[in-house]
Amino acid sequence: MDMLRALHGPAGGDHGDGQEQSAWWATDITWSTPMSRRGGERPVTWAEARGECWMAVCAAAEAAPPTAQEWRLLGAAPRETVATDPAYAHGAWEVLGWLLGERPDRPQVGGGNPSTWWWEAAQRCAQVRERIA
């Protein structure tokens, strides 16, 4: 919890904002979901977190948003992705993916190497979509 709250300070920029908003939402500091920017359920549900995480992956990869079939598989209500900036979305994916156990490395303040963000997200998006096709 302290690590997530620490993301609030020096992260800055779109990537840091995505990390911060996701950490705040996951720890009940704010009610606004990071990707759909709507009031979320309280407490945050697994399905809702997975939905926001998948929206973040798609937006970070600059890919099509989640399909109706993907929403059904996630067990979450479909919603529109409002936050579409790829850097912001990658930051959100780092935090939510780590919290959901989908990313092994904890989020780093500052976000690592921006030149790899799109490639990493595009790979993940393609892998998941191939598996469920």
C-alpha atoms as a PDB file:
ATOM      1  CA  MET A   1       0.000   0.000   0.000  1.00  0.00           C
ATOM      2  CA  ASP A   2       2.781   2.444   0.873  1.00  0.00           C
ATOM      3  CA  MET A   3       4.505   1.727  -2.453  1.00  0.00           C
ATOM      4  CA  LEU A   4       1.303   2.557  -4.340  1.00  0.00           C
ATOM      5  CA  ARG A   5       0.813   5.775  -2.409  1.00  0.00           C
ATOM      6  CA  ALA A   6       4.453   6.698  -3.065  1.00  0.00           C
ATOM      7  CA  LEU A   7       3.674   6.841  -6.790  1.00  0.00           C
ATOM      8  CA  HIS A   8       1.753  10.037  -6.036  1.00  0.00           C
ATOM      9  CA  GLY A   9       4.812  12.227  -5.623  1.00  0.00           C
ATOM     10  CA  PRO A  10       7.532  12.500  -8.248  1.00  0.00           C
ATOM     11  CA  ALA A  11       6.083  10.379 -11.107  1.00  0.00           C
ATOM     12  CA  GLY A  12       4.734  13.292 -13.158  1.00  0.00           C
ATOM     13  CA  GLY A  13       3.847  13.323 -16.846  1.00  0.00           C
ATOM     14  CA  ASP A  14       1.235  11.253 -18.606  1.00  0.00           C
ATOM     15  CA  HIS A  15       2.797   7.915 -17.633  1.00  0.00           C
ATOM     16  CA  GLY A  16       3.090   8.952 -14.004  1.00  0.00           C
ATOM     17  CA  ASP A  17      -0.466  10.285 -14.056  1.00  0.00           C
ATOM     18  CA  GLY A  18      -1.702   6.863 -15.221  1.00  0.00           C
ATOM     19  CA  GLN A  19       0.199   5.169 -12.410  1.00  0.00           C
ATOM     20  CA  GLU A  20      -1.079   7.659  -9.869  1.00  0.00           C
ATOM     21  CA  GLN A  21      -4.749   7.530 -10.902  1.00  0.00           C
ATOM     22  CA  SER A  22      -4.717   3.722 -10.893  1.00  0.00           C
ATOM     23  CA  ALA A  23      -3.044   3.544  -7.493  1.00  0.00           C
ATOM     24  CA  TRP A  24      -5.465   6.104  -6.043  1.00  0.00           C
ATOM     25  CA  TRP A  25      -8.463   4.201  -7.427  1.00  0.00           C
ATOM     26  CA  ALA A  26      -7.193   0.819  -6.215  1.00  0.00           C
ATOM     27  CA  THR A  27      -6.548   2.154  -2.707  1.00  0.00           C
ATOM     28  CA  ASP A  28      -9.874   4.029  -2.416  1.00  0.00           C
ATOM     29  CA  ILE A  29      -8.349   7.508  -2.500  1.00  0.00           C
ATOM     30  CA  THR A  30     -10.515   8.406  -5.505  1.00  0.00           C
ATOM     31  CA  TRP A  31     -13.686   6.898  -6.971  1.00  0.00           C
ATOM     32  CA  SER A  32     -12.949   7.697 -10.605  1.00  0.00           C
ATOM     33  CA  THR A  33     -11.768   4.703 -12.629  1.00  0.00           C
ATOM     34  CA  PRO A  34      -8.462   5.323 -14.423  1.00  0.00           C
ATOM     35  CA  MET A  35      -9.466   4.445 -18.002  1.00  0.00           C
ATOM     36  CA  SER A  36     -13.235   4.929 -18.282  1.00  0.00           C
ATOM     37  CA  ARG A  37     -13.206   7.888 -15.877  1.00  0.00           C
ATOM     38  CA  ARG A  38     -16.479   6.947 -14.265  1.00  0.00           C
ATOM     39  CA  GLY A  39     -17.472   6.352 -10.675  1.00  0.00           C
ATOM     40  CA  GLY A  40     -16.352   2.856  -9.826  1.00  0.00           C
ATOM     41  CA  GLU A  41     -17.812   0.208  -7.583  1.00  0.00           C
ATOM     42  CA  ARG A  42     -16.826   0.207  -3.923  1.00  0.00           C
ATOM     43  CA  PRO A  43     -14.968  -1.759  -3.020  1.00  0.00           C
ATOM     44  CA  VAL A  44     -13.239  -2.185  -6.376  1.00  0.00           C
ATOM     45  CA  THR A  45     -14.286  -5.530  -7.857  1.00  0.00           C
ATOM     46  CA  TRP A  46     -11.958  -8.000  -9.559  1.00  0.00           C
ATOM     47  CA  ALA A  47     -13.989  -7.818 -12.797  1.00  0.00           C
ATOM     48  CA  GLU A  48     -13.946  -4.021 -12.840  1.00  0.00           C
ATOM     49  CA  ALA A  49     -10.180  -3.930 -12.213  1.00  0.00           C
ATOM     50  CA  ARG A  50      -9.616  -6.465 -15.012  1.00  0.00           C
ATOM     51  CA  GLY A  51     -11.781  -4.391 -17.355  1.00  0.00           C
ATOM     52  CA  GLU A  52      -9.881  -1.188 -16.594  1.00  0.00           C
ATOM     53  CA  CYS A  53      -6.583  -3.071 -16.972  1.00  0.00           C
ATOM     54  CA  TRP A  54      -7.566  -4.486 -20.375  1.00  0.00           C
ATOM     55  CA  MET A  55      -8.697  -1.026 -21.540  1.00  0.00           C
ATOM     56  CA  ALA A  56      -5.269   0.262 -20.479  1.00  0.00           C
ATOM     57  CA  VAL A  57      -3.433  -2.442 -22.454  1.00  0.00           C
ATOM     58  CA  CYS A  58      -5.483  -1.702 -25.581  1.00  0.00           C
ATOM     59  CA  ALA A  59      -4.987   2.062 -25.280  1.00  0.00           C
ATOM     60  CA  ALA A  60      -1.252   1.709 -24.582  1.00  0.00           C
ATOM     61  CA  ALA A  61      -0.929  -0.437 -27.716  1.00  0.00           C
ATOM     62  CA  GLU A  62      -3.025   2.040 -29.706  1.00  0.00           C
ATOM     63  CA  ALA A  63      -5.225  -0.948 -30.566  1.00  0.00           C
ATOM     64  CA  ALA A  64      -8.985  -1.249 -30.896  1.00  0.00           C
ATOM     65  CA  PRO A  65     -10.841  -0.995 -27.569  1.00  0.00           C
ATOM     66  CA  PRO A  66     -12.190  -4.135 -25.884  1.00  0.00           C
ATOM     67  CA  THR A  67     -14.795  -6.006 -27.921  1.00  0.00           C
ATOM     68  CA  ALA A  68     -18.169  -7.222 -26.665  1.00  0.00           C
ATOM     69  CA  GLN A  69     -16.734 -10.753 -26.488  1.00  0.00           C
ATOM     70  CA  GLU A  70     -13.761  -9.546 -24.422  1.00  0.00           C
ATOM     71  CA  TRP A  71     -16.067  -7.743 -21.982  1.00  0.00           C
ATOM     72  CA  ARG A  72     -18.084 -10.964 -21.555  1.00  0.00           C
ATOM     73  CA  LEU A  73     -14.904 -12.958 -20.879  1.00  0.00           C
ATOM     74  CA  LEU A  74     -13.801 -10.362 -18.326  1.00  0.00           C
ATOM     75  CA  GLY A  75     -17.167 -10.554 -16.588  1.00  0.00           C
ATOM     76  CA  ALA A  76     -17.413  -6.775 -16.566  1.00  0.00           C
ATOM     77  CA  ALA A  77     -19.965  -4.343 -17.942  1.00  0.00           C
ATOM     78  CA  PRO A  78     -18.794  -2.778 -21.227  1.00  0.00           C
ATOM     79  CA  ARG A  79     -17.770   0.854 -21.097  1.00  0.00           C
ATOM     80  CA  GLU A  80     -16.023   3.373 -23.277  1.00  0.00           C
ATOM     81  CA  THR A  81     -12.321   4.106 -22.888  1.00  0.00           C
ATOM     82  CA  VAL A  82     -12.041   7.828 -22.189  1.00  0.00           C
ATOM     83  CA  ALA A  83      -8.338   8.023 -21.281  1.00  0.00           C
ATOM     84  CA  THR A  84      -6.648   7.135 -24.577  1.00  0.00           C
ATOM     85  CA  ASP A  85      -3.161   8.630 -24.228  1.00  0.00           C
ATOM     86  CA  PRO A  86      -0.755   5.669 -24.736  1.00  0.00           C
ATOM     87  CA  ALA A  87       1.742   6.823 -22.085  1.00  0.00           C
ATOM     88  CA  TYR A  88      -1.012   7.377 -19.492  1.00  0.00           C
ATOM     89  CA  ALA A  89      -2.527   3.991 -20.374  1.00  0.00           C
ATOM     90  CA  HIS A  90       0.824   2.220 -19.986  1.00  0.00           C
ATOM     91  CA  GLY A  91       1.229   3.707 -16.523  1.00  0.00           C
ATOM     92  CA  ALA A  92      -2.273   2.522 -15.591  1.00  0.00           C
ATOM     93  CA  TRP A  93      -1.520  -0.948 -16.964  1.00  0.00           C
ATOM     94  CA  GLU A  94       1.710  -1.169 -14.929  1.00  0.00           C
ATOM     95  CA  VAL A  95      -0.146  -0.582 -11.664  1.00  0.00           C
ATOM     96  CA  LEU A  96      -3.346  -2.531 -12.375  1.00  0.00           C
ATOM     97  CA  GLY A  97      -1.520  -5.428 -14.025  1.00  0.00           C
ATOM     98  CA  TRP A  98       0.810  -5.723 -11.063  1.00  0.00           C
ATOM     99  CA  LEU A  99      -2.054  -5.600  -8.556  1.00  0.00           C
ATOM    100  CA  LEU A 100      -3.938  -8.283 -10.508  1.00  0.00           C
ATOM    101  CA  GLY A 101      -0.854 -10.509 -10.675  1.00  0.00           C
ATOM    102  CA  GLU A 102      -0.524 -10.175 -14.456  1.00  0.00           C
ATOM    103  CA  ARG A 103       2.757  -8.252 -14.358  1.00  0.00           C
ATOM    104  CA  PRO A 104       5.629  -9.656 -12.283  1.00  0.00           C
ATOM    105  CA  ASP A 105       7.496  -6.396 -11.722  1.00  0.00           C
ATOM    106  CA  ARG A 106       6.141  -3.714  -9.452  1.00  0.00           C
ATOM    107  CA  PRO A 107       5.605  -0.299 -11.051  1.00  0.00           C
ATOM    108  CA  GLN A 108       8.614   1.975 -11.099  1.00  0.00           C
ATOM    109  CA  VAL A 109       8.241   5.677 -10.394  1.00  0.00           C
ATOM    110  CA  GLY A 110       9.099   7.369 -13.662  1.00  0.00           C
ATOM    111  CA  GLY A 111       8.019   4.354 -15.696  1.00  0.00           C
ATOM    112  CA  GLY A 112      11.198   2.955 -17.215  1.00  0.00           C
ATOM    113  CA  ASN A 113      11.992   3.240 -20.909  1.00  0.00           C
ATOM    114  CA  PRO A 114       9.284   5.027 -22.957  1.00  0.00           C
ATOM    115  CA  SER A 115      10.634   3.564 -26.204  1.00  0.00           C
ATOM    116  CA  THR A 116       9.485   0.075 -25.102  1.00  0.00           C
ATOM    117  CA  TRP A 117       5.994   0.967 -23.837  1.00  0.00           C
ATOM    118  CA  TRP A 118       4.100   0.656 -27.112  1.00  0.00           C
ATOM    119  CA  TRP A 119       5.918  -2.515 -28.164  1.00  0.00           C
ATOM    120  CA  GLU A 120       5.294  -4.193 -24.798  1.00  0.00           C
ATOM    121  CA  ALA A 121       1.585  -3.303 -24.818  1.00  0.00           C
ATOM    122  CA  ALA A 122       1.126  -4.286 -28.471  1.00  0.00           C
ATOM    123  CA  GLN A 123       2.684  -7.695 -27.772  1.00  0.00           C
ATOM    124  CA  ARG A 124       0.423  -8.302 -24.772  1.00  0.00           C
ATOM    125  CA  CYS A 125      -2.677  -7.169 -26.654  1.00  0.00           C
ATOM    126  CA  ALA A 126      -1.898  -9.444 -29.627  1.00  0.00           C
ATOM    127  CA  GLN A 127      -1.119 -12.447 -27.357  1.00  0.00           C
ATOM    128  CA  VAL A 128      -4.400 -12.158 -25.476  1.00  0.00           C
ATOM    129  CA  ARG A 129      -6.464 -11.605 -28.593  1.00  0.00           C
ATOM    130  CA  GLU A 130      -4.857 -14.608 -30.319  1.00  0.00           C
ATOM    131  CA  ARG A 131      -5.623 -16.812 -27.313  1.00  0.00           C
ATOM    132  CA  ILE A 132      -9.301 -15.893 -27.183  1.00  0.00           C
ATOM    133  CA  ALA A 133      -9.892 -15.897 -30.962  1.00  0.00           C
END
